[in-house]
Amino acid sequence: MQELMQGYSVARPHHDQGHTRLLEEIAYLEARLVAIGQTGDCAYEKSLARSYSELLRARRMQLAAIRN
């Protein structure tokens, strides 16, 4: 599982460090969601999945704003 997370958390270099950082955060959040499942098995995991999903949505919006 650790290898999966490391693979997801590696972003390609970009001239804008903010862009690269957002890609890294998005990859990390996606990997965490894969690791615990989209809904989780217990209340704690379900709460984490909701939090990660909200953070992921926010980071994608920030990335879209940079690209425009």
N, C-alpha and C. Protein backbone atom coordinates (compact mmCIF):
# COMPACT_ATOMS: atom_id res chain seq x y z
N MET A 1 0.82 -1.19 0.00
CA MET A 1 0.00 0.00 0.00
C MET A 1 0.87 1.25 0.00
N GLN A 2 1.97 1.21 0.74
CA GLN A 2 2.87 2.38 0.79
C GLN A 2 3.41 2.71 -0.60
N GLU A 3 3.72 1.68 -1.39
CA GLU A 3 4.21 1.90 -2.74
C GLU A 3 3.16 2.59 -3.59
N LEU A 4 1.91 2.22 -3.41
CA LEU A 4 0.82 2.85 -4.14
C LEU A 4 0.74 4.32 -3.80
N MET A 5 0.82 4.65 -2.53
CA MET A 5 0.75 6.04 -2.11
C MET A 5 1.94 6.83 -2.64
N GLN A 6 3.12 6.25 -2.62
CA GLN A 6 4.28 6.95 -3.13
C GLN A 6 4.16 7.20 -4.62
N GLY A 7 3.61 6.25 -5.33
CA GLY A 7 3.41 6.42 -6.77
C GLY A 7 2.42 7.52 -7.08
N TYR A 8 1.39 7.63 -6.28
CA TYR A 8 0.40 8.68 -6.50
C TYR A 8 0.89 10.05 -6.07
N SER A 9 1.82 10.10 -5.14
CA SER A 9 2.22 11.39 -4.59
C SER A 9 3.39 12.03 -5.31
N VAL A 10 3.81 11.46 -6.43
CA VAL A 10 4.91 12.05 -7.19
C VAL A 10 4.34 12.82 -8.37
N ALA A 11 4.58 14.13 -8.35
CA ALA A 11 4.11 14.98 -9.44
C ALA A 11 5.26 15.31 -10.38
N ARG A 12 4.92 15.57 -11.62
CA ARG A 12 5.95 15.98 -12.57
C ARG A 12 6.40 17.41 -12.26
N PRO A 13 7.66 17.71 -12.49
CA PRO A 13 8.15 19.08 -12.25
C PRO A 13 7.43 20.08 -13.13
N HIS A 14 7.25 21.26 -12.64
CA HIS A 14 6.59 22.34 -13.35
C HIS A 14 7.29 23.63 -12.99
N HIS A 15 7.31 24.57 -13.89
CA HIS A 15 8.02 25.81 -13.62
C HIS A 15 7.40 26.61 -12.48
N ASP A 16 6.14 26.39 -12.21
CA ASP A 16 5.46 27.08 -11.12
C ASP A 16 5.35 26.13 -9.93
N GLN A 17 6.05 26.43 -8.84
CA GLN A 17 6.06 25.55 -7.67
C GLN A 17 4.67 25.40 -7.05
N GLY A 18 3.84 26.45 -7.11
CA GLY A 18 2.48 26.36 -6.58
C GLY A 18 1.67 25.32 -7.33
N HIS A 19 1.85 25.27 -8.63
CA HIS A 19 1.17 24.28 -9.48
C HIS A 19 1.61 22.88 -9.10
N THR A 20 2.93 22.70 -8.97
CA THR A 20 3.48 21.39 -8.60
C THR A 20 2.98 20.96 -7.23
N ARG A 21 2.95 21.89 -6.29
CA ARG A 21 2.48 21.56 -4.94
C ARG A 21 1.01 21.13 -4.96
N LEU A 22 0.19 21.81 -5.73
CA LEU A 22 -1.21 21.42 -5.83
C LEU A 22 -1.35 20.03 -6.43
N LEU A 23 -0.56 19.72 -7.45
CA LEU A 23 -0.60 18.38 -8.04
C LEU A 23 -0.20 17.32 -7.02
N GLU A 24 0.80 17.63 -6.21
CA GLU A 24 1.23 16.69 -5.16
C GLU A 24 0.13 16.48 -4.13
N GLU A 25 -0.51 17.56 -3.72
CA GLU A 25 -1.59 17.44 -2.73
C GLU A 25 -2.76 16.65 -3.29
N ILE A 26 -3.11 16.91 -4.54
CA ILE A 26 -4.21 16.18 -5.18
C ILE A 26 -3.88 14.70 -5.25
N ALA A 27 -2.65 14.38 -5.66
CA ALA A 27 -2.24 12.98 -5.75
C ALA A 27 -2.28 12.31 -4.39
N TYR A 28 -1.82 13.01 -3.36
CA TYR A 28 -1.84 12.44 -2.01
C TYR A 28 -3.28 12.18 -1.55
N LEU A 29 -4.15 13.15 -1.74
CA LEU A 29 -5.55 12.98 -1.30
C LEU A 29 -6.23 11.85 -2.06
N GLU A 30 -5.96 11.75 -3.36
CA GLU A 30 -6.54 10.65 -4.14
C GLU A 30 -6.03 9.30 -3.63
N ALA A 31 -4.73 9.24 -3.32
CA ALA A 31 -4.16 7.99 -2.80
C ALA A 31 -4.77 7.62 -1.46
N ARG A 32 -4.98 8.59 -0.60
CA ARG A 32 -5.60 8.33 0.70
C ARG A 32 -7.02 7.81 0.52
N LEU A 33 -7.76 8.40 -0.41
CA LEU A 33 -9.12 7.93 -0.66
C LEU A 33 -9.12 6.49 -1.18
N VAL A 34 -8.16 6.16 -2.02
CA VAL A 34 -8.05 4.79 -2.52
C VAL A 34 -7.73 3.86 -1.36
N ALA A 35 -6.84 4.30 -0.48
CA ALA A 35 -6.40 3.45 0.64
C ALA A 35 -7.54 3.15 1.61
N ILE A 36 -8.38 4.14 1.91
CA ILE A 36 -9.47 3.90 2.87
C ILE A 36 -10.79 3.59 2.19
N GLY A 37 -10.84 3.72 0.88
CA GLY A 37 -12.09 3.51 0.17
C GLY A 37 -12.87 4.82 0.15
N GLN A 38 -13.73 4.97 -0.80
CA GLN A 38 -14.47 6.23 -0.95
C GLN A 38 -15.38 6.51 0.24
N THR A 39 -15.84 5.46 0.91
CA THR A 39 -16.76 5.66 2.03
C THR A 39 -16.21 5.21 3.36
N GLY A 40 -15.17 4.40 3.36
CA GLY A 40 -14.60 3.91 4.61
C GLY A 40 -15.45 2.83 5.25
N ASP A 41 -14.88 2.15 6.24
CA ASP A 41 -15.56 1.04 6.91
C ASP A 41 -16.16 1.42 8.26
N CYS A 42 -15.63 2.46 8.88
CA CYS A 42 -16.12 2.86 10.20
C CYS A 42 -16.36 4.38 10.19
N ALA A 43 -16.90 4.89 11.26
CA ALA A 43 -17.24 6.32 11.33
C ALA A 43 -16.00 7.19 11.14
N TYR A 44 -14.88 6.79 11.71
CA TYR A 44 -13.64 7.55 11.58
C TYR A 44 -13.21 7.63 10.12
N GLU A 45 -13.21 6.50 9.42
CA GLU A 45 -12.82 6.48 8.02
C GLU A 45 -13.82 7.23 7.15
N LYS A 46 -15.09 7.13 7.48
CA LYS A 46 -16.10 7.88 6.72
C LYS A 46 -15.88 9.38 6.87
N SER A 47 -15.55 9.81 8.07
CA SER A 47 -15.26 11.22 8.31
C SER A 47 -14.01 11.65 7.55
N LEU A 48 -12.98 10.82 7.58
CA LEU A 48 -11.76 11.13 6.83
C LEU A 48 -12.05 11.21 5.33
N ALA A 49 -12.82 10.26 4.82
CA ALA A 49 -13.15 10.26 3.39
C ALA A 49 -13.89 11.54 3.01
N ARG A 50 -14.82 11.99 3.84
CA ARG A 50 -15.53 13.25 3.55
C ARG A 50 -14.57 14.42 3.56
N SER A 51 -13.70 14.46 4.56
CA SER A 51 -12.72 15.55 4.65
C SER A 51 -11.77 15.55 3.45
N TYR A 52 -11.26 14.38 3.10
CA TYR A 52 -10.36 14.27 1.95
C TYR A 52 -11.08 14.67 0.66
N SER A 53 -12.33 14.27 0.52
CA SER A 53 -13.09 14.63 -0.68
C SER A 53 -13.28 16.14 -0.78
N GLU A 54 -13.58 16.78 0.35
CA GLU A 54 -13.74 18.24 0.34
C GLU A 54 -12.42 18.93 0.02
N LEU A 55 -11.32 18.46 0.62
CA LEU A 55 -10.01 19.03 0.33
C LEU A 55 -9.63 18.82 -1.13
N LEU A 56 -9.92 17.65 -1.65
CA LEU A 56 -9.63 17.34 -3.04
C LEU A 56 -10.39 18.27 -3.97
N ARG A 57 -11.65 18.49 -3.68
CA ARG A 57 -12.47 19.41 -4.49
C ARG A 57 -11.88 20.82 -4.45
N ALA A 58 -11.47 21.27 -3.27
CA ALA A 58 -10.89 22.61 -3.13
C ALA A 58 -9.57 22.72 -3.89
N ARG A 59 -8.71 21.71 -3.80
CA ARG A 59 -7.43 21.75 -4.50
C ARG A 59 -7.63 21.75 -6.01
N ARG A 60 -8.61 20.99 -6.49
CA ARG A 60 -8.88 20.97 -7.93
C ARG A 60 -9.39 22.32 -8.42
N MET A 61 -10.18 23.00 -7.59
CA MET A 61 -10.66 24.34 -7.93
C MET A 61 -9.48 25.31 -7.98
N GLN A 62 -8.55 25.19 -7.03
CA GLN A 62 -7.37 26.05 -7.02
C GLN A 62 -6.52 25.80 -8.26
N LEU A 63 -6.37 24.54 -8.63
CA LEU A 63 -5.58 24.19 -9.81
C LEU A 63 -6.24 24.76 -11.07
N ALA A 64 -7.55 24.66 -11.16
CA ALA A 64 -8.27 25.21 -12.31
C ALA A 64 -8.09 26.73 -12.39
N ALA A 65 -8.07 27.39 -11.26
CA ALA A 65 -7.89 28.84 -11.22
C ALA A 65 -6.49 29.21 -11.71
N ILE A 66 -5.48 28.41 -11.38
CA ILE A 66 -4.11 28.66 -11.84
C ILE A 66 -4.02 28.49 -13.34
N ARG A 67 -4.67 27.50 -13.85
CA ARG A 67 -4.59 27.19 -15.30
C ARG A 67 -5.29 28.25 -16.15
N ASN A 68 -6.24 28.95 -15.59
CA ASN A 68 -6.98 29.96 -16.37
C ASN A 68 -6.30 31.27 -16.37
